[in-house]
């Protein structure tokens, strides 16, 4: 079986550096607020091209803390609205609802699966305070028209970069394309830890200070609490692991692109759409998506041929019980994506023979 994502093989490929970093932290006796976190924050900010990086507990926390910080800064508040792509993973939306704001769901572009800039402006109301873009599957949203709309209406732009570590738009990396960005370092990400982890990146000094303070119980000085904060920290162990993996991120992303280009060029099946527009060298292919009206049969066929696949995601957010207040919305583009999407194995440690096996299995599928 070719696994969808073989995390053990990937981590083994970082040895012995990975184990050395873990043992260094274990032997240091310091596991929070230490040099490893500071080093990673500095290097990841530099990598993204921005001034600040604040390590936090996970990707959902990162997005939630950005919105919490804007609320503390009186830029937005309960009842205000944030426009967000309708086909995102639910975490993007939960960050908005957790802070008392209202998500406004926007249809994506069918060819890119990212938020459609042409459909944003019609959703803006006097309560709109921000646009949250999600660089889905590893490809950046079309940021220039989105930024133009935001500037026209005095809105903040927040990036959800959970799938886009290292992705580039107009010679700038994800994490430095908007007012603030949230990253996840979940183990299966292009830059993944050995457990949960996340980060906020920004060029805004006040926002960075506010995020860092809220994430530390609302405290800048021990036992003095400015905000009703939370406990959301990136620990020393995860930071050390991320520092090791960051050194190889660009090379790993390049390998992902080479696999994706083989898939795009060599998969040929009338029952499958390979989203040909993904011929984009700046896409980091966290996920390689194909689309089929016979998705369930295709997935069974691939499994029978030793290929593990995953659906991202089987139920659109507005059809989830947790968001039942949105269930009556008609979002045909989103619903089609969620009904037909299937993700093929893609990781930097896949062999050429494994890639060939996947391509042959996909091409052999018949209705």
Protein backbone atom coordinates (compact mmCIF):
# COMPACT_ATOMS: atom_id res chain seq x y z
CA UNK A 1 0.00 0.00 0.00
CA UNK A 2 1.28 3.45 -0.91
CA UNK A 3 0.18 5.52 2.08
CA UNK A 4 -1.44 8.88 1.51
CA UNK A 5 1.17 10.39 3.81
CA UNK A 6 3.83 8.28 5.52
CA UNK A 7 4.82 10.46 8.46
CA UNK A 8 7.32 7.97 9.88
CA UNK A 9 9.23 7.81 6.59
CA UNK A 10 9.27 11.58 6.39
CA UNK A 11 10.60 12.00 9.93
CA UNK A 12 13.15 9.24 9.37
CA UNK A 13 14.49 11.26 6.44
CA UNK A 14 15.51 14.03 8.87
CA UNK A 15 17.68 11.74 10.99
CA UNK A 16 20.01 12.03 12.82
CA UNK A 17 19.37 15.79 13.07
CA UNK A 18 15.84 15.33 14.35
CA UNK A 19 16.75 13.04 17.24
CA UNK A 20 19.73 15.23 18.07
CA UNK A 21 17.44 18.28 18.37
CA UNK A 22 14.98 16.39 20.58
CA UNK A 23 17.73 15.09 22.88
CA UNK A 24 19.23 18.59 23.10
CA UNK A 25 15.93 19.99 24.39
CA UNK A 26 15.29 17.08 26.75
CA UNK A 27 18.78 17.46 28.19
CA UNK A 28 18.51 21.22 28.55
CA UNK A 29 15.93 21.13 31.32
CA UNK A 30 14.09 24.04 29.71
CA UNK A 31 10.89 23.27 27.86
CA UNK A 32 8.99 26.56 27.63
CA UNK A 33 10.07 30.17 26.92
CA UNK A 34 13.55 29.07 25.95
CA UNK A 35 16.08 29.70 23.18
CA UNK A 36 14.62 27.17 20.73
CA UNK A 37 11.34 29.06 20.40
CA UNK A 38 13.11 32.39 20.05
CA UNK A 39 15.42 31.00 17.37
CA UNK A 40 12.57 29.46 15.39
CA UNK A 41 10.41 32.59 15.61
CA UNK A 42 13.28 34.71 14.30
CA UNK A 43 14.11 32.32 11.46
CA UNK A 44 10.51 31.71 10.40
CA UNK A 45 9.77 35.45 10.36
CA UNK A 46 12.83 35.93 8.17
CA UNK A 47 11.77 33.04 5.94
CA UNK A 48 8.30 34.54 5.44
CA UNK A 49 9.81 38.00 4.95
CA UNK A 50 7.96 39.67 7.80
CA UNK A 51 8.97 41.38 11.04
CA UNK A 52 7.30 39.21 13.66
CA UNK A 53 6.51 35.57 14.34
CA UNK A 54 4.75 34.48 17.53
CA UNK A 55 4.73 30.74 18.25
CA UNK A 56 1.40 29.48 19.58
CA UNK A 57 -0.29 26.19 20.43
CA UNK A 58 -1.84 25.31 17.06
CA UNK A 59 -3.22 26.73 13.83
CA UNK A 60 -6.73 27.34 15.14
CA UNK A 61 -5.28 29.30 18.05
CA UNK A 62 -3.21 31.35 15.63
CA UNK A 63 -6.26 32.55 13.70
CA UNK A 64 -8.35 33.01 16.84
CA UNK A 65 -5.63 35.05 18.52
CA UNK A 66 -5.37 37.39 15.54
CA UNK A 67 -9.08 38.15 15.74
CA UNK A 68 -8.97 38.39 19.55
CA UNK A 69 -6.12 40.88 19.24
CA UNK A 70 -8.03 43.01 16.74
CA UNK A 71 -10.97 43.01 19.16
CA UNK A 72 -8.72 44.19 22.01
CA UNK A 73 -7.38 46.88 19.67
CA UNK A 74 -11.00 48.03 19.05
CA UNK A 75 -10.68 47.31 15.32
CA UNK A 76 -13.49 44.76 15.40
CA UNK A 77 -15.87 43.29 17.93
CA UNK A 78 -18.76 40.90 18.61
CA UNK A 79 -21.36 40.94 15.85
CA UNK A 80 -18.95 42.19 13.22
CA UNK A 81 -18.41 40.13 10.08
CA UNK A 82 -15.45 38.44 8.43
CA UNK A 83 -15.75 37.15 4.88
CA UNK A 84 -14.25 33.66 4.54
CA UNK A 85 -14.23 31.05 1.74
CA UNK A 86 -17.17 28.67 1.98
CA UNK A 87 -15.11 25.59 1.09
CA UNK A 88 -12.43 25.93 3.74
CA UNK A 89 -11.74 23.49 6.55
CA UNK A 90 -14.05 24.39 9.44
CA UNK A 91 -11.17 25.65 11.62
CA UNK A 92 -11.07 28.90 9.63
CA UNK A 93 -14.69 29.50 10.49
CA UNK A 94 -14.39 28.38 14.12
CA UNK A 95 -11.75 31.06 14.70
CA UNK A 96 -14.35 33.64 13.73
CA UNK A 97 -17.27 32.23 15.73
CA UNK A 98 -15.07 31.67 18.80
CA UNK A 99 -14.48 35.41 19.03
CA UNK A 100 -18.14 36.36 18.72
CA UNK A 101 -17.89 37.51 15.12
CA UNK A 102 -19.98 36.32 12.19
CA UNK A 103 -18.49 34.36 9.29
CA UNK A 104 -19.85 35.35 5.88
CA UNK A 105 -19.30 32.51 3.43
CA UNK A 106 -17.96 33.34 -0.02
CA UNK A 107 -17.87 30.94 -2.96
CA UNK A 108 -14.47 29.91 -4.36
CA UNK A 109 -13.18 29.95 -7.91
CA UNK A 110 -13.83 26.47 -9.35
CA UNK A 111 -10.48 26.37 -11.12
CA UNK A 112 -8.33 27.21 -8.08
CA UNK A 113 -10.67 26.34 -5.16
CA UNK A 114 -9.57 29.60 -3.52
CA UNK A 115 -11.88 32.47 -2.58
CA UNK A 116 -13.31 34.20 -5.64
CA UNK A 117 -12.30 37.90 -5.59
CA UNK A 118 -15.20 38.71 -7.91
CA UNK A 119 -17.72 37.57 -5.30
CA UNK A 120 -16.30 39.33 -2.25
CA UNK A 121 -17.51 42.89 -2.72
CA UNK A 122 -21.20 41.94 -2.97
CA UNK A 123 -20.93 40.39 0.53
CA UNK A 124 -19.55 43.51 2.23
CA UNK A 125 -21.88 45.25 4.69
CA UNK A 126 -21.38 48.03 7.27
CA UNK A 127 -20.46 45.28 9.78
CA UNK A 128 -17.69 43.77 7.63
CA UNK A 129 -14.28 44.18 9.23
CA UNK A 130 -12.01 41.69 7.48
CA UNK A 131 -11.49 39.21 4.69
CA UNK A 132 -9.94 35.89 5.66
CA UNK A 133 -8.23 34.19 2.74
CA UNK A 134 -7.35 30.50 2.89
CA UNK A 135 -4.48 29.38 0.67
CA UNK A 136 -6.18 26.04 0.12
CA UNK A 137 -4.21 22.95 -0.88
CA UNK A 138 -0.95 24.97 -0.93
CA UNK A 139 -1.74 27.60 -3.55
CA UNK A 140 -2.07 31.25 -2.60
CA UNK A 141 -5.31 33.08 -3.18
CA UNK A 142 -5.30 35.83 -5.80
CA UNK A 143 -4.17 38.51 -3.38
CA UNK A 144 -3.93 41.68 -5.50
CA UNK A 145 -7.66 42.13 -6.21
CA UNK A 146 -8.46 41.03 -2.66
CA UNK A 147 -6.06 43.60 -1.21
CA UNK A 148 -7.51 46.28 -3.50
CA UNK A 149 -11.03 45.51 -2.25
CA UNK A 150 -9.85 45.56 1.37
CA UNK A 151 -8.14 48.93 0.95
CA UNK A 152 -11.20 50.37 -0.80
CA UNK A 153 -13.44 49.38 2.13
CA UNK A 154 -10.88 49.80 4.96
CA UNK A 155 -10.87 46.10 5.81
CA UNK A 156 -8.19 43.91 7.36
CA UNK A 157 -6.95 40.87 5.45
CA UNK A 158 -6.06 37.74 7.41
CA UNK A 159 -4.27 34.78 5.82
CA UNK A 160 -4.98 31.20 6.78
CA UNK A 161 -1.64 29.65 5.82
CA UNK A 162 -2.24 26.21 7.35
CA UNK A 163 -1.56 24.52 3.99
CA UNK A 164 0.78 27.04 2.38
CA UNK A 165 4.18 27.02 4.10
CA UNK A 166 6.58 28.51 1.56
CA UNK A 167 3.98 29.35 -1.10
CA UNK A 168 4.70 32.50 -3.10
CA UNK A 169 2.58 35.25 -4.63
CA UNK A 170 4.18 38.09 -6.59
CA UNK A 171 7.64 37.25 -5.16
CA UNK A 172 6.39 37.32 -1.55
CA UNK A 173 5.76 34.33 0.69
CA UNK A 174 2.51 33.35 2.32
CA UNK A 175 2.54 34.82 5.80
CA UNK A 176 3.61 38.19 4.43
CA UNK A 177 0.77 38.91 2.01
CA UNK A 178 -1.72 40.56 4.36
CA UNK A 179 -2.13 42.27 7.74
CA UNK A 180 -1.59 39.04 9.66
CA UNK A 181 -1.36 35.31 9.05
CA UNK A 182 -1.97 32.12 10.99
CA UNK A 183 0.07 28.94 10.44
CA UNK A 184 -0.47 25.38 11.61
CA UNK A 185 2.47 23.05 12.25
CA UNK A 186 0.34 19.92 12.57
CA UNK A 187 2.65 16.96 11.84
CA UNK A 188 1.31 16.33 8.31
CA UNK A 189 1.87 19.91 7.11
CA UNK A 190 4.63 20.86 4.67
CA UNK A 191 6.40 22.18 7.76
CA UNK A 192 5.22 19.90 10.53
CA UNK A 193 6.11 19.42 14.18
CA UNK A 194 5.97 16.19 16.20
CA UNK A 195 2.74 17.35 17.79
CA UNK A 196 0.57 20.45 17.64
CA UNK A 197 2.02 23.87 17.04
CA UNK A 198 1.22 27.10 15.25
CA UNK A 199 2.37 30.66 14.63
CA UNK A 200 1.15 34.14 13.87
CA UNK A 201 3.16 36.27 11.45
CA UNK A 202 2.71 40.01 10.91
CA UNK A 203 4.48 43.30 10.30
CA UNK A 204 2.23 45.11 12.78
CA UNK A 205 4.10 45.80 16.03
CA UNK A 206 0.99 46.45 18.13
CA UNK A 207 -0.79 43.38 16.80
CA UNK A 208 2.25 41.19 17.47
CA UNK A 209 2.53 42.43 21.04
CA UNK A 210 -1.19 41.96 21.63
CA UNK A 211 -1.22 38.42 20.24
CA UNK A 212 1.78 37.44 22.34
CA UNK A 213 0.20 38.91 25.48
CA UNK A 214 -3.21 37.27 25.00
CA UNK A 215 -1.52 33.92 24.33
CA UNK A 216 0.28 34.18 27.69
CA UNK A 217 -2.79 34.46 29.94
CA UNK A 218 -3.13 38.09 28.86
CA UNK A 219 0.07 38.89 30.71
CA UNK A 220 3.21 40.81 29.71
CA UNK A 221 4.60 40.74 33.24
CA UNK A 222 4.24 37.81 35.62
CA UNK A 223 1.08 37.94 37.70
CA UNK A 224 -0.07 41.14 35.97
CA UNK A 225 -2.86 40.46 33.48
CA UNK A 226 -3.89 43.07 30.96
CA UNK A 227 -6.38 40.91 29.04
CA UNK A 228 -8.59 37.90 29.72
CA UNK A 229 -6.06 35.75 27.94
CA UNK A 230 -5.48 32.10 27.13
CA UNK A 231 -2.59 29.66 27.38
CA UNK A 232 -1.33 29.00 23.85
CA UNK A 233 2.38 28.30 23.52
CA UNK A 234 4.78 26.72 21.09
CA UNK A 235 7.08 24.61 23.28
CA UNK A 236 10.83 24.19 23.03
CA UNK A 237 10.67 20.63 21.67
CA UNK A 238 8.38 21.52 18.77
CA UNK A 239 10.39 24.64 17.99
CA UNK A 240 13.61 22.63 17.79
CA UNK A 241 11.98 20.10 15.46
CA UNK A 242 10.59 22.88 13.26
CA UNK A 243 14.01 24.54 13.04
CA UNK A 244 15.47 21.31 11.66
CA UNK A 245 12.68 20.91 9.11
CA UNK A 246 12.66 24.57 8.07
CA UNK A 247 16.14 24.14 6.60
CA UNK A 248 14.76 21.69 4.03
CA UNK A 249 11.35 23.24 3.40
CA UNK A 250 12.14 24.79 0.01
CA UNK A 251 13.73 21.59 -1.28
CA UNK A 252 10.78 19.52 -0.04
CA UNK A 253 8.31 21.90 -1.69
CA UNK A 254 10.23 21.64 -4.94
CA UNK A 255 9.95 17.85 -4.80
CA UNK A 256 6.20 18.18 -4.21
CA UNK A 257 5.95 20.41 -7.29
CA UNK A 258 7.82 17.88 -9.41
CA UNK A 259 5.44 15.11 -8.33
CA UNK A 260 2.45 17.35 -9.02
CA UNK A 261 3.70 18.14 -12.50
CA UNK A 262 4.01 14.43 -13.28
CA UNK A 263 0.48 13.87 -12.06
CA UNK A 264 -0.85 16.77 -14.12
CA UNK A 265 0.99 15.77 -17.30
CA UNK A 266 0.58 12.00 -17.12
CA UNK A 267 -2.87 11.43 -15.65
CA UNK A 268 -5.30 11.09 -18.50
CA UNK A 269 -8.75 9.74 -17.76
CA UNK A 270 -12.09 11.04 -19.08
CA UNK A 271 -13.70 10.50 -15.68
CA UNK A 272 -11.16 12.64 -13.83
CA UNK A 273 -10.34 16.35 -13.77
CA UNK A 274 -6.76 17.06 -12.67
CA UNK A 275 -7.29 20.83 -12.33
CA UNK A 276 -4.79 21.70 -15.05
CA UNK A 277 -4.47 25.31 -13.89
CA UNK A 278 -2.23 24.03 -11.12
CA UNK A 279 0.77 24.43 -13.45
CA UNK A 280 2.00 27.01 -10.97
CA UNK A 281 5.61 26.79 -9.82
CA UNK A 282 4.74 28.77 -6.70
CA UNK A 283 2.11 26.27 -5.52
CA UNK A 284 3.57 24.12 -2.70
CA UNK A 285 1.07 21.25 -3.17
CA UNK A 286 0.25 20.41 0.41
CA UNK A 287 -2.55 18.49 -1.28
CA UNK A 288 -2.80 17.29 -4.89
CA UNK A 289 -6.46 17.27 -5.79
CA UNK A 290 -8.33 15.45 -8.50
CA UNK A 291 -12.07 15.66 -9.09
CA UNK A 292 -14.49 13.01 -10.23
CA UNK A 293 -18.26 12.56 -10.28
CA UNK A 294 -17.51 8.91 -9.46
CA UNK A 295 -15.32 9.72 -6.45
CA UNK A 296 -16.42 6.80 -4.25
CA UNK A 297 -15.88 4.26 -7.01
CA UNK A 298 -12.54 5.85 -7.89
CA UNK A 299 -11.39 5.75 -4.28
CA UNK A 300 -12.33 2.08 -4.01
CA UNK A 301 -10.49 1.33 -7.24
CA UNK A 302 -7.34 3.04 -6.00
CA UNK A 303 -7.50 1.26 -2.65
CA UNK A 304 -7.83 -2.09 -4.44
CA UNK A 305 -4.68 -1.15 -6.37
CA UNK A 306 -2.73 -0.32 -3.21
CA UNK A 307 -3.14 3.47 -3.27
CA UNK A 308 -4.42 5.26 -0.16
CA UNK A 309 -6.33 8.50 -0.79
CA UNK A 310 -8.13 11.06 1.38
CA UNK A 311 -11.09 13.38 0.80
CA UNK A 312 -10.53 17.07 1.66
CA UNK A 313 -13.31 17.48 2.81
CA UNK A 314 -16.43 15.27 2.56
CA UNK A 315 -18.89 17.72 4.18
CA UNK A 316 -18.83 21.47 3.42
CA UNK A 317 -18.90 23.74 6.48
CA UNK A 318 -22.43 25.03 5.83
CA UNK A 319 -23.73 21.44 5.93
CA UNK A 320 -22.09 20.64 9.26
CA UNK A 321 -24.40 20.33 12.28
CA UNK A 322 -22.15 22.78 14.14
CA UNK A 323 -23.07 25.46 11.58
CA UNK A 324 -26.68 24.48 10.99
CA UNK A 325 -27.69 28.14 10.83
CA UNK A 326 -26.00 28.20 7.40
CA UNK A 327 -27.58 24.98 6.10
CA UNK A 328 -30.09 26.74 3.85
CA UNK A 329 -27.41 28.58 1.90
CA UNK A 330 -27.06 27.69 -1.77
CA UNK A 331 -23.34 27.36 -2.50
CA UNK A 332 -23.15 25.22 -5.65
CA UNK A 333 -19.44 25.68 -6.38
CA UNK A 334 -18.50 24.74 -2.82
CA UNK A 335 -20.84 21.76 -2.80
CA UNK A 336 -19.47 20.45 -6.11
CA UNK A 337 -15.89 20.67 -4.82
CA UNK A 338 -16.75 18.79 -1.62
CA UNK A 339 -18.68 16.15 -3.57
CA UNK A 340 -15.97 15.42 -6.15
CA UNK A 341 -12.57 16.14 -4.53
CA UNK A 342 -10.06 13.33 -3.92
CA UNK A 343 -6.46 13.79 -2.74
CA UNK A 344 -3.66 11.65 -4.15
CA UNK A 345 -0.51 10.70 -2.20
CA UNK A 346 2.09 13.46 -2.38
CA UNK A 347 5.11 13.91 -0.15
CA UNK A 348 8.80 14.68 -0.66
CA UNK A 349 9.86 11.12 0.14
CA UNK A 350 7.78 9.40 -2.55
CA UNK A 351 9.88 7.44 -5.03
CA UNK A 352 9.53 7.76 -8.79
CA UNK A 353 8.23 4.19 -8.92
CA UNK A 354 5.51 5.03 -6.38
CA UNK A 355 4.47 8.06 -8.43
CA UNK A 356 4.27 5.89 -11.55
CA UNK A 357 2.10 3.35 -9.69
CA UNK A 358 -0.32 6.09 -8.63
CA UNK A 359 -0.57 7.44 -12.18
CA UNK A 360 -1.17 4.00 -13.68
CA UNK A 361 -3.83 3.19 -11.10
CA UNK A 362 -5.67 6.46 -11.74
CA UNK A 363 -5.50 6.02 -15.50
CA UNK A 364 -6.85 2.46 -15.28
CA UNK A 365 -10.09 3.56 -13.60
CA UNK A 366 -13.22 2.99 -15.66
CA UNK A 367 -16.80 3.97 -14.92
